[in-house]
PDB file of N, CA and C in Angstrom:
ATOM      1  N   MET A   1      46.159 -26.989  -7.665  1.00  0.00           N
ATOM      2  CA  MET A   1      46.068 -26.596  -8.362  1.00  0.00           C
ATOM      3  C   MET A   1      45.636 -25.223  -7.901  1.00  0.00           C
ATOM      4  N   GLU A   2      46.628 -23.938  -8.326  1.00  0.00           N
ATOM      5  CA  GLU A   2      46.326 -22.555  -7.356  1.00  0.00           C
ATOM      6  C   GLU A   2      44.884 -22.278  -7.815  1.00  0.00           C
ATOM      7  N   PHE A   3      44.774 -21.037  -6.713  1.00  0.00           N
ATOM      8  CA  PHE A   3      43.677 -20.300  -7.223  1.00  0.00           C
ATOM      9  C   PHE A   3      43.089 -19.459  -8.409  1.00  0.00           C
ATOM     10  N   GLU A   4      44.376 -19.206  -9.366  1.00  0.00           N
ATOM     11  CA  GLU A   4      44.200 -18.108 -10.658  1.00  0.00           C
ATOM     12  C   GLU A   4      44.074 -19.434 -11.563  1.00  0.00           C
ATOM     13  N   GLU A   5      44.562 -20.833 -11.456  1.00  0.00           N
ATOM     14  CA  GLU A   5      44.070 -21.739 -12.236  1.00  0.00           C
ATOM     15  C   GLU A   5      42.909 -21.854 -12.564  1.00  0.00           C
ATOM     16  N   LYS A   6      42.598 -22.369 -10.787  1.00  0.00           N
ATOM     17  CA  LYS A   6      40.961 -22.925 -10.774  1.00  0.00           C
ATOM     18  C   LYS A   6      40.119 -21.499 -11.635  1.00  0.00           C
ATOM     19  N   LYS A   7      40.240 -19.970 -11.131  1.00  0.00           N
ATOM     20  CA  LYS A   7      39.694 -19.227 -11.509  1.00  0.00           C
ATOM     21  C   LYS A   7      39.916 -19.141 -13.250  1.00  0.00           C
ATOM     22  N   ASN A   8      41.118 -19.438 -13.593  1.00  0.00           N
ATOM     23  CA  ASN A   8      41.189 -18.876 -15.107  1.00  0.00           C
ATOM     24  C   ASN A   8      39.781 -20.591 -16.039  1.00  0.00           C
ATOM     25  N   TYR A   9      39.970 -21.802 -15.074  1.00  0.00           N
ATOM     26  CA  TYR A   9      39.135 -22.688 -15.512  1.00  0.00           C
ATOM     27  C   TYR A   9      37.699 -22.101 -15.567  1.00  0.00           C
ATOM     28  N   LEU A  10      37.203 -22.343 -14.473  1.00  0.00           N
ATOM     29  CA  LEU A  10      35.800 -21.501 -14.612  1.00  0.00           C
ATOM     30  C   LEU A  10      35.425 -20.753 -15.040  1.00  0.00           C
ATOM     31  N   GLY A  11      36.512 -19.465 -15.529  1.00  0.00           N
ATOM     32  CA  GLY A  11      35.944 -18.550 -16.830  1.00  0.00           C
ATOM     33  C   GLY A  11      35.884 -19.160 -17.601  1.00  0.00           C
ATOM     34  N   LEU A  12      36.240 -20.206 -18.672  1.00  0.00           N
ATOM     35  CA  LEU A  12      36.174 -20.908 -19.859  1.00  0.00           C
ATOM     36  C   LEU A  12      34.561 -20.818 -20.095  1.00  0.00           C
ATOM     37  N   TYR A  13      33.814 -20.862 -18.739  1.00  0.00           N
ATOM     38  CA  TYR A  13      32.292 -21.206 -18.624  1.00  0.00           C
ATOM     39  C   TYR A  13      31.743 -20.375 -19.652  1.00  0.00           C
ATOM     40  N   ARG A  14      31.789 -19.031 -19.214  1.00  0.00           N
ATOM     41  CA  ARG A  14      31.249 -17.808 -20.694  1.00  0.00           C
ATOM     42  C   ARG A  14      31.798 -18.027 -21.792  1.00  0.00           C
ATOM     43  N   ILE A  15      33.086 -17.863 -21.897  1.00  0.00           N
ATOM     44  CA  ILE A  15      33.746 -18.284 -23.070  1.00  0.00           C
ATOM     45  C   ILE A  15      33.097 -19.461 -24.052  1.00  0.00           C
ATOM     46  N   LEU A  16      33.222 -20.400 -23.353  1.00  0.00           N
ATOM     47  CA  LEU A  16      32.248 -21.712 -24.057  1.00  0.00           C
ATOM     48  C   LEU A  16      31.198 -21.379 -24.494  1.00  0.00           C
ATOM     49  N   GLN A  17      30.372 -20.639 -23.566  1.00  0.00           N
ATOM     50  CA  GLN A  17      28.896 -20.562 -23.953  1.00  0.00           C
ATOM     51  C   GLN A  17      28.720 -19.452 -25.320  1.00  0.00           C
ATOM     52  N   ALA A  18      29.547 -18.625 -25.572  1.00  0.00           N
ATOM     53  CA  ALA A  18      29.539 -17.369 -26.422  1.00  0.00           C
ATOM     54  C   ALA A  18      30.334 -18.448 -27.968  1.00  0.00           C
ATOM     55  N   LYS A  19      31.237 -19.550 -27.630  1.00  0.00           N
ATOM     56  CA  LYS A  19      32.103 -19.970 -28.827  1.00  0.00           C
ATOM     57  C   LYS A  19      30.708 -20.750 -29.165  1.00  0.00           C
ATOM     58  N   ILE A  20      29.799 -21.757 -28.435  1.00  0.00           N
ATOM     59  CA  ILE A  20      28.559 -22.725 -28.925  1.00  0.00           C
ATOM     60  C   ILE A  20      27.721 -21.715 -29.615  1.00  0.00           C
ATOM     61  N   LEU A  21      26.959 -20.809 -29.157  1.00  0.00           N
ATOM     62  CA  LEU A  21      26.460 -19.454 -30.053  1.00  0.00           C
ATOM     63  C   LEU A  21      26.792 -19.543 -31.230  1.00  0.00           C
ATOM     64  N   ARG A  22      28.219 -18.830 -31.300  1.00  0.00           N
ATOM     65  CA  ARG A  22      28.724 -18.755 -32.770  1.00  0.00           C
ATOM     66  C   ARG A  22      29.031 -19.724 -33.512  1.00  0.00           C
ATOM     67  N   LEU A  23      29.169 -21.084 -33.119  1.00  0.00           N
ATOM     68  CA  LEU A  23      29.078 -21.979 -34.228  1.00  0.00           C
ATOM     69  C   LEU A  23      27.899 -22.404 -34.451  1.00  0.00           C
ATOM     70  N   GLY A  24      26.878 -22.127 -33.810  1.00  0.00           N
ATOM     71  CA  GLY A  24      25.664 -22.523 -34.232  1.00  0.00           C
ATOM     72  C   GLY A  24      25.466 -21.477 -35.212  1.00  0.00           C
ATOM     73  N   GLU A  25      25.708 -20.713 -35.483  1.00  0.00           N
ATOM     74  CA  GLU A  25      25.247 -19.514 -36.505  1.00  0.00           C
ATOM     75  C   GLU A  25      26.004 -19.691 -37.849  1.00  0.00           C
ATOM     76  N   MET A  26      27.488 -20.273 -37.165  1.00  0.00           N
ATOM     77  CA  MET A  26      28.333 -20.499 -38.685  1.00  0.00           C
ATOM     78  C   MET A  26      27.669 -22.047 -39.360  1.00  0.00           C
ATOM     79  N   MET A  27      26.929 -22.910 -38.676  1.00  0.00           N
ATOM     80  CA  MET A  27      26.528 -24.091 -39.620  1.00  0.00           C
ATOM     81  C   MET A  27      25.260 -23.598 -39.708  1.00  0.00           C
ATOM     82  N   ASP A  28      24.213 -22.579 -39.307  1.00  0.00           N
ATOM     83  CA  ASP A  28      23.607 -21.845 -40.230  1.00  0.00           C
ATOM     84  C   ASP A  28      24.003 -21.078 -41.494  1.00  0.00           C
ATOM     85  N   THR A  29      25.296 -20.333 -41.572  1.00  0.00           N
ATOM     86  CA  THR A  29      25.601 -19.489 -42.521  1.00  0.00           C
ATOM     87  C   THR A  29      26.817 -20.112 -43.653  1.00  0.00           C
ATOM     88  N   GLN A  30      27.345 -21.291 -42.897  1.00  0.00           N
ATOM     89  CA  GLN A  30      28.621 -21.830 -43.668  1.00  0.00           C
ATOM     90  C   GLN A  30      27.729 -23.518 -44.120  1.00  0.00           C
ATOM     91  N   SER A  31      26.866 -24.010 -44.407  1.00  0.00           N
ATOM     92  CA  SER A  31      26.345 -24.854 -44.267  1.00  0.00           C
ATOM     93  C   SER A  31      27.906 -26.315 -44.874  1.00  0.00           C
ATOM     94  N   ASP A  32      28.697 -26.196 -45.681  1.00  0.00           N
ATOM     95  CA  ASP A  32      29.632 -26.927 -46.015  1.00  0.00           C
ATOM     96  C   ASP A  32      30.596 -27.764 -45.532  1.00  0.00           C
ATOM     97  N   ASN A  33      30.580 -26.391 -43.966  1.00  0.00           N
ATOM     98  CA  ASN A  33      31.223 -27.119 -42.885  1.00  0.00           C
ATOM     99  C   ASN A  33      30.620 -27.559 -41.313  1.00  0.00           C
ATOM    100  N   ALA A  34      29.178 -27.646 -41.815  1.00  0.00           N
ATOM    101  CA  ALA A  34      27.999 -27.739 -40.717  1.00  0.00           C
ATOM    102  C   ALA A  34      28.557 -28.909 -40.151  1.00  0.00           C
ATOM    103  N   GLU A  35      28.966 -30.004 -40.707  1.00  0.00           N
ATOM    104  CA  GLU A  35      29.760 -31.171 -39.645  1.00  0.00           C
ATOM    105  C   GLU A  35      30.612 -30.848 -38.903  1.00  0.00           C
ATOM    106  N   LYS A  36      31.766 -29.985 -39.421  1.00  0.00           N
ATOM    107  CA  LYS A  36      33.115 -29.645 -38.346  1.00  0.00           C
ATOM    108  C   LYS A  36      32.646 -28.930 -37.358  1.00  0.00           C
ATOM    109  N   TYR A  37      31.222 -27.890 -36.922  1.00  0.00           N
ATOM    110  CA  TYR A  37      31.235 -26.782 -36.423  1.00  0.00           C
ATOM    111  C   TYR A  37      29.892 -27.530 -35.479  1.00  0.00           C
ATOM    112  N   LEU A  38      29.597 -29.010 -35.901  1.00  0.00           N
ATOM    113  CA  LEU A  38      28.703 -29.416 -34.384  1.00  0.00           C
ATOM    114  C   LEU A  38      29.479 -30.053 -33.944  1.00  0.00           C
ATOM    115  N   ARG A  39      30.979 -30.731 -34.378  1.00  0.00           N
ATOM    116  CA  ARG A  39      31.657 -31.673 -33.997  1.00  0.00           C
ATOM    117  C   ARG A  39      32.307 -30.566 -32.344  1.00  0.00           C
ATOM    118  N   GLN A  40      32.814 -29.374 -33.262  1.00  0.00           N
ATOM    119  CA  GLN A  40      33.309 -28.367 -31.898  1.00  0.00           C
ATOM    120  C   GLN A  40      32.219 -27.981 -31.193  1.00  0.00           C
ATOM    121  N   ARG A  41      31.213 -27.617 -31.373  1.00  0.00           N
ATOM    122  CA  ARG A  41      30.212 -27.143 -30.646  1.00  0.00           C
ATOM    123  C   ARG A  41      29.845 -28.122 -29.609  1.00  0.00           C
ATOM    124  N   GLU A  42      29.996 -29.730 -29.916  1.00  0.00           N
ATOM    125  CA  GLU A  42      29.527 -30.239 -28.432  1.00  0.00           C
ATOM    126  C   GLU A  42      30.821 -30.647 -28.418  1.00  0.00           C
ATOM    127  N   ASN A  43      31.975 -30.332 -28.446  1.00  0.00           N
ATOM    128  CA  ASN A  43      33.100 -30.601 -27.705  1.00  0.00           C
ATOM    129  C   ASN A  43      33.221 -29.616 -26.432  1.00  0.00           C
ATOM    130  N   ALA A  44      32.408 -28.464 -27.114  1.00  0.00           N
ATOM    131  CA  ALA A  44      32.692 -27.248 -26.038  1.00  0.00           C
ATOM    132  C   ALA A  44      31.516 -27.508 -25.282  1.00  0.00           C
ATOM    133  N   ARG A  45      30.340 -27.836 -25.429  1.00  0.00           N
ATOM    134  CA  ARG A  45      29.000 -28.224 -24.483  1.00  0.00           C
ATOM    135  C   ARG A  45      29.751 -29.243 -23.058  1.00  0.00           C
ATOM    136  N   ALA A  46      30.582 -30.266 -23.614  1.00  0.00           N
ATOM    137  CA  ALA A  46      30.783 -31.478 -22.751  1.00  0.00           C
ATOM    138  C   ALA A  46      31.649 -30.620 -22.084  1.00  0.00           C
ATOM    139  N   ILE A  47      32.555 -29.654 -22.692  1.00  0.00           N
ATOM    140  CA  ILE A  47      33.649 -28.875 -21.364  1.00  0.00           C
ATOM    141  C   ILE A  47      33.195 -28.292 -20.578  1.00  0.00           C
ATOM    142  N   ARG A  48      31.807 -27.617 -20.860  1.00  0.00           N
ATOM    143  CA  ARG A  48      31.107 -26.685 -20.156  1.00  0.00           C
ATOM    144  C   ARG A  48      29.855 -27.306 -19.369  1.00  0.00           C
ATOM    145  N   ASN A  49      29.588 -28.289 -19.682  1.00  0.00           N
ATOM    146  CA  ASN A  49      28.881 -29.505 -18.493  1.00  0.00           C
ATOM    147  C   ASN A  49      30.209 -29.731 -18.054  1.00  0.00           C
ATOM    148  N   LYS A  50      30.755 -30.475 -17.947  1.00  0.00           N
ATOM    149  CA  LYS A  50      32.011 -30.767 -17.391  1.00  0.00           C
ATOM    150  C   LYS A  50      32.347 -29.624 -16.013  1.00  0.00           C
ATOM    151  N   ILE A  51      32.276 -28.631 -16.515  1.00  0.00           N
ATOM    152  CA  ILE A  51      32.523 -27.188 -15.362  1.00  0.00           C
ATOM    153  C   ILE A  51      31.434 -27.367 -14.452  1.00  0.00           C
ATOM    154  N   GLU A  52      30.692 -27.407 -14.893  1.00  0.00           N
ATOM    155  CA  GLU A  52      28.836 -27.460 -14.308  1.00  0.00           C
ATOM    156  C   GLU A  52      29.008 -28.384 -13.443  1.00  0.00           C
ATOM    157  N   ASP A  53      29.521 -29.372 -13.377  1.00  0.00           N
ATOM    158  CA  ASP A  53      29.722 -30.225 -12.573  1.00  0.00           C
ATOM    159  C   ASP A  53      30.593 -30.380 -11.382  1.00  0.00           C
ATOM    160  N   ASP A  54      31.845 -29.885 -11.935  1.00  0.00           N
ATOM    161  CA  ASP A  54      33.146 -29.813 -11.125  1.00  0.00           C
ATOM    162  C   ASP A  54      32.302 -28.666  -9.536  1.00  0.00           C
ATOM    163  N   ILE A  55      31.805 -27.612 -10.346  1.00  0.00           N
ATOM    164  CA  ILE A  55      30.885 -26.621  -9.813  1.00  0.00           C
ATOM    165  C   ILE A  55      29.979 -27.378  -8.264  1.00  0.00           C
ATOM    166  N   ASP A  56      29.242 -28.331  -9.211  1.00  0.00           N
ATOM    167  CA  ASP A  56      28.123 -29.335  -8.006  1.00  0.00           C
ATOM    168  C   ASP A  56      28.656 -29.686  -7.416  1.00  0.00           C
ATOM    169  N   ALA A  57      29.951 -30.038  -7.459  1.00  0.00           N
ATOM    170  CA  ALA A  57      30.312 -31.411  -6.493  1.00  0.00           C
ATOM    171  C   ALA A  57      31.079 -30.838  -5.264  1.00  0.00           C
ATOM    172  N   VAL A  58      30.850 -29.195  -5.235  1.00  0.00           N
ATOM    173  CA  VAL A  58      31.795 -28.518  -4.251  1.00  0.00           C
ATOM    174  C   VAL A  58      30.978 -28.605  -2.722  1.00  0.00           C
ATOM    175  N   ASP A  59      29.816 -28.406  -2.761  1.00  0.00           N
ATOM    176  CA  ASP A  59      28.980 -28.519  -1.717  1.00  0.00           C
ATOM    177  C   ASP A  59      27.702 -28.790  -2.116  1.00  0.00           C
ATOM    178  N   GLY A  60      27.256 -28.176  -2.963  1.00  0.00           N
ATOM    179  CA  GLY A  60      25.508 -28.753  -2.940  1.00  0.00           C
ATOM    180  C   GLY A  60      24.989 -27.552  -2.499  1.00  0.00           C
ATOM    181  N   GLY A  61      25.745 -26.628  -1.751  1.00  0.00           N
ATOM    182  CA  GLY A  61      25.049 -25.347  -0.888  1.00  0.00           C
ATOM    183  C   GLY A  61      25.266 -24.324  -1.277  1.00  0.00           C
ATOM    184  N   LEU A  62      25.061 -23.875  -0.699  1.00  0.00           N
ATOM    185  CA  LEU A  62      26.253 -22.263  -0.583  1.00  0.00           C
ATOM    186  C   LEU A  62      27.311 -21.801  -1.435  1.00  0.00           C
ATOM    187  N   LEU A  63      28.472 -22.601  -1.249  1.00  0.00           N
ATOM    188  CA  LEU A  63      29.543 -22.733  -2.453  1.00  0.00           C
ATOM    189  C   LEU A  63      29.534 -22.936  -3.253  1.00  0.00           C
ATOM    190  N   THR A  64      28.494 -23.822  -3.620  1.00  0.00           N
ATOM    191  CA  THR A  64      28.293 -24.052  -5.410  1.00  0.00           C
ATOM    192  C   THR A  64      27.514 -23.058  -5.901  1.00  0.00           C
ATOM    193  N   GLU A  65      26.580 -22.113  -4.827  1.00  0.00           N
ATOM    194  CA  GLU A  65      25.843 -20.861  -5.674  1.00  0.00           C
ATOM    195  C   GLU A  65      27.228 -20.144  -5.646  1.00  0.00           C
ATOM    196  N   ILE A  66      27.889 -19.838  -5.105  1.00  0.00           N
ATOM    197  CA  ILE A  66      28.412 -18.535  -5.013  1.00  0.00           C
ATOM    198  C   ILE A  66      29.783 -18.654  -6.179  1.00  0.00           C
ATOM    199  N   LEU A  67      30.280 -20.191  -6.273  1.00  0.00           N
ATOM    200  CA  LEU A  67      31.039 -20.418  -7.592  1.00  0.00           C
ATOM    201  C   LEU A  67      29.988 -20.366  -8.897  1.00  0.00           C
ATOM    202  N   SER A  68      28.571 -21.075  -8.877  1.00  0.00           N
ATOM    203  CA  SER A  68      27.574 -21.130  -9.875  1.00  0.00           C
ATOM    204  C   SER A  68      27.179 -19.015 -10.482  1.00  0.00           C
ATOM    205  N   GLN A  69      27.030 -18.765  -9.611  1.00  0.00           N
ATOM    206  CA  GLN A  69      26.560 -17.188  -9.465  1.00  0.00           C
ATOM    207  C   GLN A  69      28.166 -16.361 -10.353  1.00  0.00           C
ATOM    208  N   LYS A  70      29.426 -16.247  -9.647  1.00  0.00           N
ATOM    209  CA  LYS A  70      30.367 -15.895 -10.132  1.00  0.00           C
ATOM    210  C   LYS A  70      30.642 -16.259 -11.767  1.00  0.00           C
ATOM    211  N   TYR A  71      30.678 -17.629 -11.889  1.00  0.00           N
ATOM    212  CA  TYR A  71      31.313 -17.871 -12.891  1.00  0.00           C
ATOM    213  C   TYR A  71      30.490 -18.240 -14.425  1.00  0.00           C
ATOM    214  N   ILE A  72      29.211 -18.755 -13.882  1.00  0.00           N
ATOM    215  CA  ILE A  72      28.254 -19.286 -15.131  1.00  0.00           C
ATOM    216  C   ILE A  72      27.428 -17.549 -15.150  1.00  0.00           C
ATOM    217  N   CYS A  73      26.807 -17.093 -14.209  1.00  0.00           N
ATOM    218  CA  CYS A  73      26.028 -16.067 -14.342  1.00  0.00           C
ATOM    219  C   CYS A  73      26.943 -14.736 -14.309  1.00  0.00           C
ATOM    220  N   GLY A  74      28.460 -15.046 -14.092  1.00  0.00           N
ATOM    221  CA  GLY A  74      28.631 -13.654 -14.275  1.00  0.00           C
ATOM    222  C   GLY A  74      28.811 -12.176 -12.862  1.00  0.00           C
ATOM    223  N   ARG A  75      28.045 -12.865 -12.511  1.00  0.00           N
ATOM    224  CA  ARG A  75      27.486 -11.531 -11.366  1.00  0.00           C
ATOM    225  C   ARG A  75      28.892 -11.091 -10.317  1.00  0.00           C
ATOM    226  N   SER A  76      29.132 -10.563  -9.640  1.00  0.00           N
ATOM    227  CA  SER A  76      30.507  -9.757  -8.919  1.00  0.00           C
ATOM    228  C   SER A  76      29.986 -10.175  -7.630  1.00  0.00           C
ATOM    229  N   LEU A  77      30.837 -10.487  -6.489  1.00  0.00           N
ATOM    230  CA  LEU A  77      31.071 -10.709  -5.215  1.00  0.00           C
ATOM    231  C   LEU A  77      30.445 -10.009  -4.486  1.00  0.00           C
ATOM    232  N   GLU A  78      29.791  -8.247  -5.070  1.00  0.00           N
ATOM    233  CA  GLU A  78      29.120  -7.529  -4.155  1.00  0.00           C
ATOM    234  C   GLU A  78      27.677  -8.027  -4.794  1.00  0.00           C
ATOM    235  N   GLU A  79      27.339  -8.288  -5.909  1.00  0.00           N
ATOM    236  CA  GLU A  79      26.096  -8.787  -6.349  1.00  0.00           C
ATOM    237  C   GLU A  79      25.657 -10.174  -5.446  1.00  0.00           C
ATOM    238  N   ILE A  80      26.475 -11.009  -5.292  1.00  0.00           N
ATOM    239  CA  ILE A  80      26.671 -12.435  -4.675  1.00  0.00           C
ATOM    240  C   ILE A  80      25.709 -11.980  -3.319  1.00  0.00           C
ATOM    241  N   ALA A  81      26.613 -11.089  -2.623  1.00  0.00           N
ATOM    242  CA  ALA A  81      26.600 -10.631  -0.911  1.00  0.00           C
ATOM    243  C   ALA A  81      25.204 -10.193  -1.202  1.00  0.00           C
ATOM    244  N   TYR A  82      24.583  -9.296  -1.734  1.00  0.00           N
ATOM    245  CA  TYR A  82      23.623  -8.569  -1.660  1.00  0.00           C
ATOM    246  C   TYR A  82      22.155  -9.736  -1.789  1.00  0.00           C
ATOM    247  N   MET A  83      22.598 -10.781  -2.670  1.00  0.00           N
ATOM    248  CA  MET A  83      21.104 -12.143  -2.941  1.00  0.00           C
ATOM    249  C   MET A  83      21.052 -13.072  -1.942  1.00  0.00           C
ATOM    250  N   THR A  84      22.556 -12.918  -1.345  1.00  0.00           N
ATOM    251  CA  THR A  84      22.013 -14.307  -0.618  1.00  0.00           C
ATOM    252  C   THR A  84      22.667 -13.648   1.058  1.00  0.00           C
ATOM    253  N   ASN A  85      22.472 -11.989   1.451  1.00  0.00           N
ATOM    254  CA  ASN A  85      22.165 -11.673   2.318  1.00  0.00           C
ATOM    255  C   ASN A  85      23.468 -11.965   3.384  1.00  0.00           C
ATOM    256  N   TYR A  86      24.362 -11.717   2.944  1.00  0.00           N
ATOM    257  CA  TYR A  86      25.758 -11.883   3.476  1.00  0.00           C
ATOM    258  C   TYR A  86      26.605 -10.526   3.605  1.00  0.00           C
ATOM    259  N   CYS A  87      27.631  -9.958   4.071  1.00  0.00           N
ATOM    260  CA  CYS A  87      28.947  -8.762   3.841  1.00  0.00           C
ATOM    261  C   CYS A  87      29.245  -9.369   2.299  1.00  0.00           C
ATOM    262  N   LYS A  88      30.155  -8.025   1.738  1.00  0.00           N
ATOM    263  CA  LYS A  88      30.985  -8.750   0.864  1.00  0.00           C
ATOM    264  C   LYS A  88      31.933  -9.372   1.347  1.00  0.00           C
ATOM    265  N   ARG A  89      32.952  -8.734   2.309  1.00  0.00           N
ATOM    266  CA  ARG A  89      33.851  -9.561   2.760  1.00  0.00           C
ATOM    267  C   ARG A  89      33.656 -11.293   3.343  1.00  0.00           C
ATOM    268  N   GLN A  90      32.200 -11.353   3.741  1.00  0.00           N
ATOM    269  CA  GLN A  90      32.031 -12.521   3.848  1.00  0.00           C
ATOM    270  C   GLN A  90      31.837 -13.613   2.853  1.00  0.00           C
ATOM    271  N   ILE A  91      31.483 -13.108   2.340  1.00  0.00           N
ATOM    272  CA  ILE A  91      31.414 -13.634   0.150  1.00  0.00           C
ATOM    273  C   ILE A  91      32.414 -14.215  -0.458  1.00  0.00           C
ATOM    274  N   GLU A  92      33.635 -13.230  -0.199  1.00  0.00           N
ATOM    275  CA  GLU A  92      35.013 -12.891  -0.504  1.00  0.00           C
ATOM    276  C   GLU A  92      35.662 -14.637   0.092  1.00  0.00           C
ATOM    277  N   ARG A  93      35.514 -14.520   1.327  1.00  0.00           N
ATOM    278  CA  ARG A  93      36.415 -15.814   2.098  1.00  0.00           C
ATOM    279  C   ARG A  93      35.369 -17.207   1.905  1.00  0.00           C
ATOM    280  N   LEU A  94      34.104 -17.346   1.765  1.00  0.00           N
ATOM    281  CA  LEU A  94      33.716 -18.474   0.811  1.00  0.00           C
ATOM    282  C   LEU A  94      33.762 -18.718  -0.707  1.00  0.00           C
ATOM    283  N   HIS A  95      34.306 -17.455  -0.755  1.00  0.00           N
ATOM    284  CA  HIS A  95      34.276 -17.807  -2.579  1.00  0.00           C
ATOM    285  C   HIS A  95      36.124 -18.328  -2.705  1.00  0.00           C
ATOM    286  N   LEU A  96      36.856 -18.017  -1.707  1.00  0.00           N
ATOM    287  CA  LEU A  96      37.896 -18.302  -1.141  1.00  0.00           C
ATOM    288  C   LEU A  96      37.950 -20.109  -1.007  1.00  0.00           C
ATOM    289  N   LYS A  97      36.984 -20.129  -0.212  1.00  0.00           N
ATOM    290  CA  LYS A  97      37.091 -21.328   0.734  1.00  0.00           C
ATOM    291  C   LYS A  97      36.342 -22.438  -1.157  1.00  0.00           C
ATOM    292  N   ALA A  98      35.113 -21.566  -1.778  1.00  0.00           N
ATOM    293  CA  ALA A  98      35.019 -23.061  -2.684  1.00  0.00           C
ATOM    294  C   ALA A  98      35.972 -22.775  -3.711  1.00  0.00           C
ATOM    295  N   LEU A  99      36.934 -21.827  -3.874  1.00  0.00           N
ATOM    296  CA  LEU A  99      37.435 -22.344  -4.759  1.00  0.00           C
ATOM    297  C   LEU A  99      39.037 -23.975  -4.099  1.00  0.00           C
ATOM    298  N   ASP A 100      38.679 -23.187  -2.982  1.00  0.00           N
ATOM    299  CA  ASP A 100      39.863 -24.295  -2.218  1.00  0.00           C
ATOM    300  C   ASP A 100      39.222 -25.860  -2.384  1.00  0.00           C
ATOM    301  N   ARG A 101      38.002 -25.735  -2.225  1.00  0.00           N
ATOM    302  CA  ARG A 101      37.635 -27.087  -2.754  1.00  0.00           C
ATOM    303  C   ARG A 101      36.680 -27.789  -3.667  1.00  0.00           C
ATOM    304  N   LEU A 102      36.903 -26.893  -4.810  1.00  0.00           N
ATOM    305  CA  LEU A 102      36.761 -27.229  -6.156  1.00  0.00           C
ATOM    306  C   LEU A 102      37.937 -28.462  -6.101  1.00  0.00           C
ATOM    307  N   VAL A 103      37.452 -29.161  -6.970  1.00  0.00           N
ATOM    308  CA  VAL A 103      38.462 -30.635  -7.616  1.00  0.00           C
ATOM    309  C   VAL A 103      37.626 -30.789  -9.447  1.00  0.00           C
ATOM    310  N   ILE A 104      38.713 -30.138  -9.687  1.00  0.00           N
ATOM    311  CA  ILE A 104      39.093 -30.072 -11.235  1.00  0.00           C
ATOM    312  C   ILE A 104      38.971 -31.640 -11.682  1.00  0.00           C
ATOM    313  N   SER A 105      37.841 -32.392 -12.091  1.00  0.00           N
ATOM    314  CA  SER A 105      38.371 -33.696 -12.635  1.00  0.00           C
ATOM    315  C   SER A 105      38.656 -34.133 -14.084  1.00  0.00           C
TER     316      SER A 105
END
């Protein structure tokens, strides 16, 4: 799988988070469809949890943290560099290494 495909897959995390919140609100306001929204929300949570598991399986260390900060927390590589006390260029290299090691199960 190419880097762009992996980035798109990881980018789903934040979209799914927004969807989960929206479906929760819809369950509250449209009780006649609550069961449908509950199923959709649980499906979104399952995919989101799978993304978390795939990220955790990268190395459990710095590479996992880079992917988590980037795709779960939404931080830029520059912010991650500052947080981890690495230069931005090194974080860019490590980000590519982390994407290379990412296995989507």
